[in-house]
């Protein structure tokens, strides 16, 4: 039986839940009950990391992508080889068709509207988006920005959200779809679903929100939860995919451009690192280049911190 780890959600230091006007515990009870009925009892392996729950992965055993990769490569005698796609296609930079149609369905609980907006931009490889619209559903609270320095400055935002709920649900003097115009940007969305193809996750979502520097802090946190869910489902697959698409690629591209532009010699690399030529000869060449000409500048968010 799957149980939601409520502590990591409800006790998150930046989340302010309005449990006095929203029956959050009751809602979580219902969600947990029907996750088990609709997914666990049907044989899906449900996993959670932080505020993200992966409800189903369509190719958890990798047999579907194994069959497709074998057909693609014309290998008909060993079509259940679950490593063929990773070793014969990913490593060779071939088509990602075998996992393009394989998806992972994520449930997000306790997520601020800005993070939702950052995720909803991905339409390629996203077959499902289920979000409780604010015509009837109410926000659950307020998420403090990662960059917030004075928490007390945001107390009034929580009061604004509470007032919107009262207007629409308690006093019934305004329709929710009208009252929602008064909501602050950082309100906590009711739980929502996004489903992504595995190809879209590794090539777009994880790349742009994790591997490339500069994504907003709360979004990085939530997308990191998504990737950790993937790692729990199939560590081997996702370790290989991250190895071929991970953050080191940005460093390698910068190193390549710098080397082409500056025509550096080994002596120049030594000067950049402040080491002798003898020390450089003892180091791994790949690491040497990434630490010097591949070093990335701080992102906008890192500069603010």
Protein backbone atom coordinates (compact mmCIF):
# COMPACT_ATOMS: atom_id res chain seq x y z
CA UNK A 1 0.00 0.00 0.00
CA UNK A 2 1.33 3.43 -0.96
CA UNK A 3 1.32 6.17 1.66
CA UNK A 4 1.98 9.81 0.84
CA UNK A 5 4.88 11.25 2.78
CA UNK A 6 2.90 14.22 4.04
CA UNK A 7 5.66 15.55 6.24
CA UNK A 8 7.88 16.62 3.35
CA UNK A 9 4.93 18.50 1.85
CA UNK A 10 3.05 19.96 4.79
CA UNK A 11 6.19 20.84 6.77
CA UNK A 12 8.09 22.32 3.85
CA UNK A 13 9.72 25.51 5.17
CA UNK A 14 8.52 27.72 2.31
CA UNK A 15 4.93 26.47 2.13
CA UNK A 16 2.20 28.21 4.12
CA UNK A 17 -0.97 26.11 4.03
CA UNK A 18 -4.41 27.52 4.84
CA UNK A 19 -5.62 24.49 6.77
CA UNK A 20 -8.14 26.64 8.65
CA UNK A 21 -10.20 27.22 5.47
CA UNK A 22 -9.13 24.31 3.21
CA UNK A 23 -9.58 20.68 4.44
CA UNK A 24 -6.12 19.69 3.22
CA UNK A 25 -5.79 16.57 5.39
CA UNK A 26 -9.15 15.34 4.11
CA UNK A 27 -8.12 16.01 0.52
CA UNK A 28 -4.84 14.14 1.05
CA UNK A 29 -6.73 11.18 2.53
CA UNK A 30 -8.85 10.97 -0.62
CA UNK A 31 -5.88 11.31 -2.96
CA UNK A 32 -3.96 8.60 -1.11
CA UNK A 33 -6.96 6.24 -1.08
CA UNK A 34 -7.50 6.51 -4.81
CA UNK A 35 -3.82 6.36 -5.73
CA UNK A 36 -3.92 2.89 -4.23
CA UNK A 37 -7.22 2.00 -5.90
CA UNK A 38 -6.44 3.38 -9.35
CA UNK A 39 -2.71 2.73 -9.63
CA UNK A 40 -1.20 0.46 -6.95
CA UNK A 41 -4.00 -2.12 -7.17
CA UNK A 42 -3.60 -2.09 -10.95
CA UNK A 43 0.07 -3.08 -10.63
CA UNK A 44 1.79 0.29 -11.06
CA UNK A 45 4.85 1.08 -8.96
CA UNK A 46 4.07 4.45 -7.34
CA UNK A 47 7.05 6.40 -5.99
CA UNK A 48 7.41 9.78 -4.29
CA UNK A 49 10.22 12.25 -3.87
CA UNK A 50 9.50 15.54 -2.16
CA UNK A 51 6.37 17.15 -3.56
CA UNK A 52 6.24 14.91 -6.66
CA UNK A 53 4.63 11.47 -6.97
CA UNK A 54 5.23 9.33 -10.07
CA UNK A 55 1.99 7.40 -10.50
CA UNK A 56 2.95 5.22 -13.44
CA UNK A 57 5.82 4.65 -15.84
CA UNK A 58 4.63 2.93 -18.99
CA UNK A 59 7.90 1.07 -19.60
CA UNK A 60 9.18 0.39 -16.10
CA UNK A 61 10.70 -2.98 -17.08
CA UNK A 62 12.04 -1.51 -20.36
CA UNK A 63 10.56 -4.39 -22.37
CA UNK A 64 8.53 -2.17 -24.70
CA UNK A 65 11.52 0.01 -25.59
CA UNK A 66 13.62 -3.17 -25.88
CA UNK A 67 11.22 -4.56 -28.50
CA UNK A 68 11.10 -1.25 -30.39
CA UNK A 69 14.88 -0.82 -30.33
CA UNK A 70 15.37 -4.37 -31.58
CA UNK A 71 12.94 -3.80 -34.44
CA UNK A 72 14.67 -0.51 -35.29
CA UNK A 73 18.06 -2.25 -35.41
CA UNK A 74 16.80 -5.39 -37.15
CA UNK A 75 17.65 -7.69 -34.23
CA UNK A 76 14.88 -10.28 -34.21
CA UNK A 77 16.37 -13.05 -32.09
CA UNK A 78 16.82 -11.11 -28.84
CA UNK A 79 14.01 -8.59 -28.77
CA UNK A 80 13.73 -8.54 -24.96
CA UNK A 81 17.25 -7.16 -24.55
CA UNK A 82 16.56 -4.26 -22.18
CA UNK A 83 20.05 -2.78 -22.55
CA UNK A 84 20.04 -2.54 -26.35
CA UNK A 85 18.48 0.92 -26.48
CA UNK A 86 20.93 2.32 -23.92
CA UNK A 87 24.07 0.66 -25.26
CA UNK A 88 23.37 0.61 -29.00
CA UNK A 89 21.29 3.74 -29.53
CA UNK A 90 21.85 6.29 -26.77
CA UNK A 91 25.61 5.75 -26.74
CA UNK A 92 25.71 6.05 -30.54
CA UNK A 93 23.49 9.15 -30.65
CA UNK A 94 20.78 7.37 -32.67
CA UNK A 95 17.02 8.01 -32.66
CA UNK A 96 15.16 8.16 -29.36
CA UNK A 97 11.98 6.72 -30.89
CA UNK A 98 11.95 3.67 -28.55
CA UNK A 99 11.23 5.90 -25.52
CA UNK A 100 9.40 8.73 -27.30
CA UNK A 101 6.06 7.03 -26.70
CA UNK A 102 6.92 5.84 -23.20
CA UNK A 103 5.64 8.22 -20.55
CA UNK A 104 5.74 8.97 -16.83
CA UNK A 105 2.69 10.45 -15.10
CA UNK A 106 3.52 12.84 -12.25
CA UNK A 107 1.24 14.14 -9.50
CA UNK A 108 2.32 17.44 -7.94
CA UNK A 109 1.15 18.43 -4.45
CA UNK A 110 1.97 21.71 -2.73
CA UNK A 111 3.35 23.51 -5.79
CA UNK A 112 3.22 27.27 -6.32
CA UNK A 113 1.70 28.76 -9.46
CA UNK A 114 5.07 30.05 -10.82
CA UNK A 115 6.43 26.49 -10.95
CA UNK A 116 3.27 25.27 -12.67
CA UNK A 117 3.71 28.03 -15.26
CA UNK A 118 7.31 26.98 -15.86
CA UNK A 119 6.29 23.35 -16.44
CA UNK A 120 3.21 23.98 -18.56
CA UNK A 121 5.37 25.60 -21.27
CA UNK A 122 6.53 22.12 -22.32
CA UNK A 123 3.98 21.00 -24.88
CA UNK A 124 6.24 18.72 -26.95
CA UNK A 125 6.15 15.27 -25.42
CA UNK A 126 3.46 16.18 -22.89
CA UNK A 127 0.30 14.17 -23.60
CA UNK A 128 -1.49 14.95 -20.33
CA UNK A 129 -2.16 18.08 -18.28
CA UNK A 130 -4.79 17.88 -15.55
CA UNK A 131 -4.99 21.01 -13.41
CA UNK A 132 -7.87 21.96 -11.18
CA UNK A 133 -8.92 25.31 -12.60
CA UNK A 134 -9.73 28.19 -10.27
CA UNK A 135 -13.36 28.33 -11.40
CA UNK A 136 -14.28 25.99 -8.57
CA UNK A 137 -11.10 24.76 -6.86
CA UNK A 138 -9.44 26.94 -4.27
CA UNK A 139 -5.73 27.49 -3.65
CA UNK A 140 -4.15 25.65 -0.73
CA UNK A 141 -1.95 28.45 0.55
CA UNK A 142 1.14 30.45 -0.43
CA UNK A 143 4.67 29.45 -1.41
CA UNK A 144 7.44 31.81 -0.35
CA UNK A 145 9.95 32.51 -3.12
CA UNK A 146 13.30 30.77 -2.73
CA UNK A 147 14.92 34.19 -3.00
CA UNK A 148 12.77 35.80 -0.26
CA UNK A 149 14.85 37.59 2.37
CA UNK A 150 12.14 38.87 4.67
CA UNK A 151 9.42 36.31 5.29
CA UNK A 152 7.23 38.78 7.16
CA UNK A 153 6.84 40.82 3.97
CA UNK A 154 4.67 38.03 2.53
CA UNK A 155 2.21 37.61 5.40
CA UNK A 156 -0.34 39.80 3.64
CA UNK A 157 -0.32 37.47 0.62
CA UNK A 158 -1.68 34.66 2.77
CA UNK A 159 -4.44 36.97 3.97
CA UNK A 160 -5.30 37.85 0.37
CA UNK A 161 -5.68 34.16 -0.49
CA UNK A 162 -7.83 33.56 2.58
CA UNK A 163 -10.03 36.52 1.58
CA UNK A 164 -10.47 35.13 -1.95
CA UNK A 165 -11.63 31.78 -0.52
CA UNK A 166 -14.05 33.55 1.81
CA UNK A 167 -15.50 35.66 -0.99
CA UNK A 168 -16.14 32.66 -3.21
CA UNK A 169 -16.86 29.81 -0.82
CA UNK A 170 -17.98 31.20 2.53
CA UNK A 171 -19.71 34.49 1.78
CA UNK A 172 -20.53 33.52 -1.84
CA UNK A 173 -20.56 37.14 -2.91
CA UNK A 174 -18.26 36.48 -5.87
CA UNK A 175 -17.77 33.57 -8.25
CA UNK A 176 -14.40 31.89 -7.86
CA UNK A 177 -13.51 32.64 -11.47
CA UNK A 178 -13.89 36.34 -10.67
CA UNK A 179 -12.36 36.31 -7.19
CA UNK A 180 -9.24 34.49 -8.45
CA UNK A 181 -8.14 37.77 -10.06
CA UNK A 182 -7.22 38.90 -6.56
CA UNK A 183 -4.82 35.98 -5.97
CA UNK A 184 -1.09 36.72 -5.56
CA UNK A 185 1.29 35.11 -8.02
CA UNK A 186 2.71 32.64 -5.51
CA UNK A 187 -0.45 30.84 -4.43
CA UNK A 188 -0.24 27.08 -3.98
CA UNK A 189 -2.07 25.25 -6.75
CA UNK A 190 -4.48 22.43 -5.94
CA UNK A 191 -2.81 19.10 -6.88
CA UNK A 192 -2.24 18.70 -10.62
CA UNK A 193 -0.92 16.15 -13.12
CA UNK A 194 1.62 16.35 -15.91
CA UNK A 195 2.61 13.42 -18.09
CA UNK A 196 5.79 13.60 -20.17
CA UNK A 197 7.43 11.28 -22.63
CA UNK A 198 10.77 10.02 -21.37
CA UNK A 199 12.47 11.64 -24.35
CA UNK A 200 10.95 15.04 -23.50
CA UNK A 201 12.06 14.69 -19.89
CA UNK A 202 15.72 14.06 -20.65
CA UNK A 203 16.05 16.31 -23.71
CA UNK A 204 13.90 19.26 -22.65
CA UNK A 205 12.50 19.39 -19.11
CA UNK A 206 15.56 18.18 -17.21
CA UNK A 207 17.96 19.87 -19.57
CA UNK A 208 16.39 23.33 -19.44
CA UNK A 209 15.34 23.31 -15.77
CA UNK A 210 18.24 21.37 -14.21
CA UNK A 211 21.22 20.88 -16.48
CA UNK A 212 21.36 24.41 -17.90
CA UNK A 213 21.96 27.02 -15.25
CA UNK A 214 19.54 29.84 -14.58
CA UNK A 215 16.19 28.20 -13.79
CA UNK A 216 14.20 29.71 -10.92
CA UNK A 217 14.97 28.11 -7.54
CA UNK A 218 11.57 26.60 -6.73
CA UNK A 219 11.33 25.12 -10.22
CA UNK A 220 14.77 23.53 -9.87
CA UNK A 221 13.63 21.96 -6.59
CA UNK A 222 10.46 20.46 -8.07
CA UNK A 223 12.09 19.24 -11.30
CA UNK A 224 14.83 17.67 -9.16
CA UNK A 225 12.05 15.77 -7.38
CA UNK A 226 10.80 14.60 -10.78
CA UNK A 227 14.23 13.33 -11.76
CA UNK A 228 14.67 11.56 -8.42
CA UNK A 229 11.36 9.77 -9.03
CA UNK A 230 12.71 8.61 -12.40
CA UNK A 231 15.88 7.38 -10.69
CA UNK A 232 13.79 5.34 -8.24
CA UNK A 233 11.82 3.76 -11.08
CA UNK A 234 14.84 2.74 -13.21
CA UNK A 235 18.28 3.82 -11.92
CA UNK A 236 20.25 2.25 -14.78
CA UNK A 237 18.25 3.90 -17.55
CA UNK A 238 18.26 7.36 -16.04
CA UNK A 239 21.90 7.28 -14.98
CA UNK A 240 22.83 6.51 -18.60
CA UNK A 241 20.52 9.22 -19.98
CA UNK A 242 21.86 11.82 -17.52
CA UNK A 243 25.40 10.79 -18.40
CA UNK A 244 24.72 11.60 -22.07
CA UNK A 245 22.60 14.73 -21.51
CA UNK A 246 23.61 16.03 -18.08
CA UNK A 247 25.03 19.36 -16.88
CA UNK A 248 28.60 18.52 -17.88
CA UNK A 249 27.57 18.97 -21.54
CA UNK A 250 27.16 22.71 -20.95
CA UNK A 251 30.70 22.86 -19.57
CA UNK A 252 32.05 20.85 -22.48
CA UNK A 253 30.42 23.16 -25.02
CA UNK A 254 31.91 26.19 -23.27
CA UNK A 255 35.33 24.51 -23.20
CA UNK A 256 35.10 23.74 -26.92
CA UNK A 257 34.16 27.32 -27.83
CA UNK A 258 36.86 28.81 -25.61
CA UNK A 259 39.55 26.52 -27.01
CA UNK A 260 38.53 27.38 -30.58
CA UNK A 261 38.43 31.11 -29.86
CA UNK A 262 41.58 31.47 -27.76
CA UNK A 263 43.78 28.71 -29.27
CA UNK A 264 44.98 27.81 -25.78
CA UNK A 265 48.00 25.58 -25.22
CA UNK A 266 48.54 23.37 -22.19
CA UNK A 267 50.71 26.07 -20.60
CA UNK A 268 47.78 28.50 -20.79
CA UNK A 269 45.47 25.99 -19.09
CA UNK A 270 48.04 25.61 -16.28
CA UNK A 271 48.08 29.38 -15.76
CA UNK A 272 44.28 29.48 -15.56
CA UNK A 273 44.30 26.82 -12.85
CA UNK A 274 47.40 28.12 -11.08
CA UNK A 275 49.26 24.80 -11.33
CA UNK A 276 52.56 23.69 -12.83
CA UNK A 277 52.93 21.79 -16.09
CA UNK A 278 54.09 18.75 -14.11
CA UNK A 279 50.94 18.83 -11.99
CA UNK A 280 48.76 19.14 -15.10
CA UNK A 281 50.37 16.07 -16.66
CA UNK A 282 49.26 14.01 -13.67
CA UNK A 283 45.60 15.08 -13.96
CA UNK A 284 42.77 13.64 -16.03
CA UNK A 285 42.58 15.71 -19.24
CA UNK A 286 38.77 15.82 -19.31
CA UNK A 287 38.57 17.15 -15.73
CA UNK A 288 41.40 19.58 -16.45
CA UNK A 289 39.48 21.18 -19.30
CA UNK A 290 36.14 21.33 -17.47
CA UNK A 291 37.75 22.93 -14.41
CA UNK A 292 39.44 25.63 -16.50
CA UNK A 293 37.98 26.66 -19.86
CA UNK A 294 34.74 24.78 -19.14
CA UNK A 295 33.95 26.60 -15.90
CA UNK A 296 30.53 28.24 -16.19
CA UNK A 297 29.75 31.76 -14.93
CA UNK A 298 27.26 32.09 -12.05
CA UNK A 299 23.61 32.23 -13.05
CA UNK A 300 21.37 35.23 -12.37
CA UNK A 301 19.86 33.45 -9.36
CA UNK A 302 23.29 32.57 -7.95
CA UNK A 303 24.40 36.20 -8.29
CA UNK A 304 21.32 37.34 -6.37
CA UNK A 305 22.09 34.88 -3.57
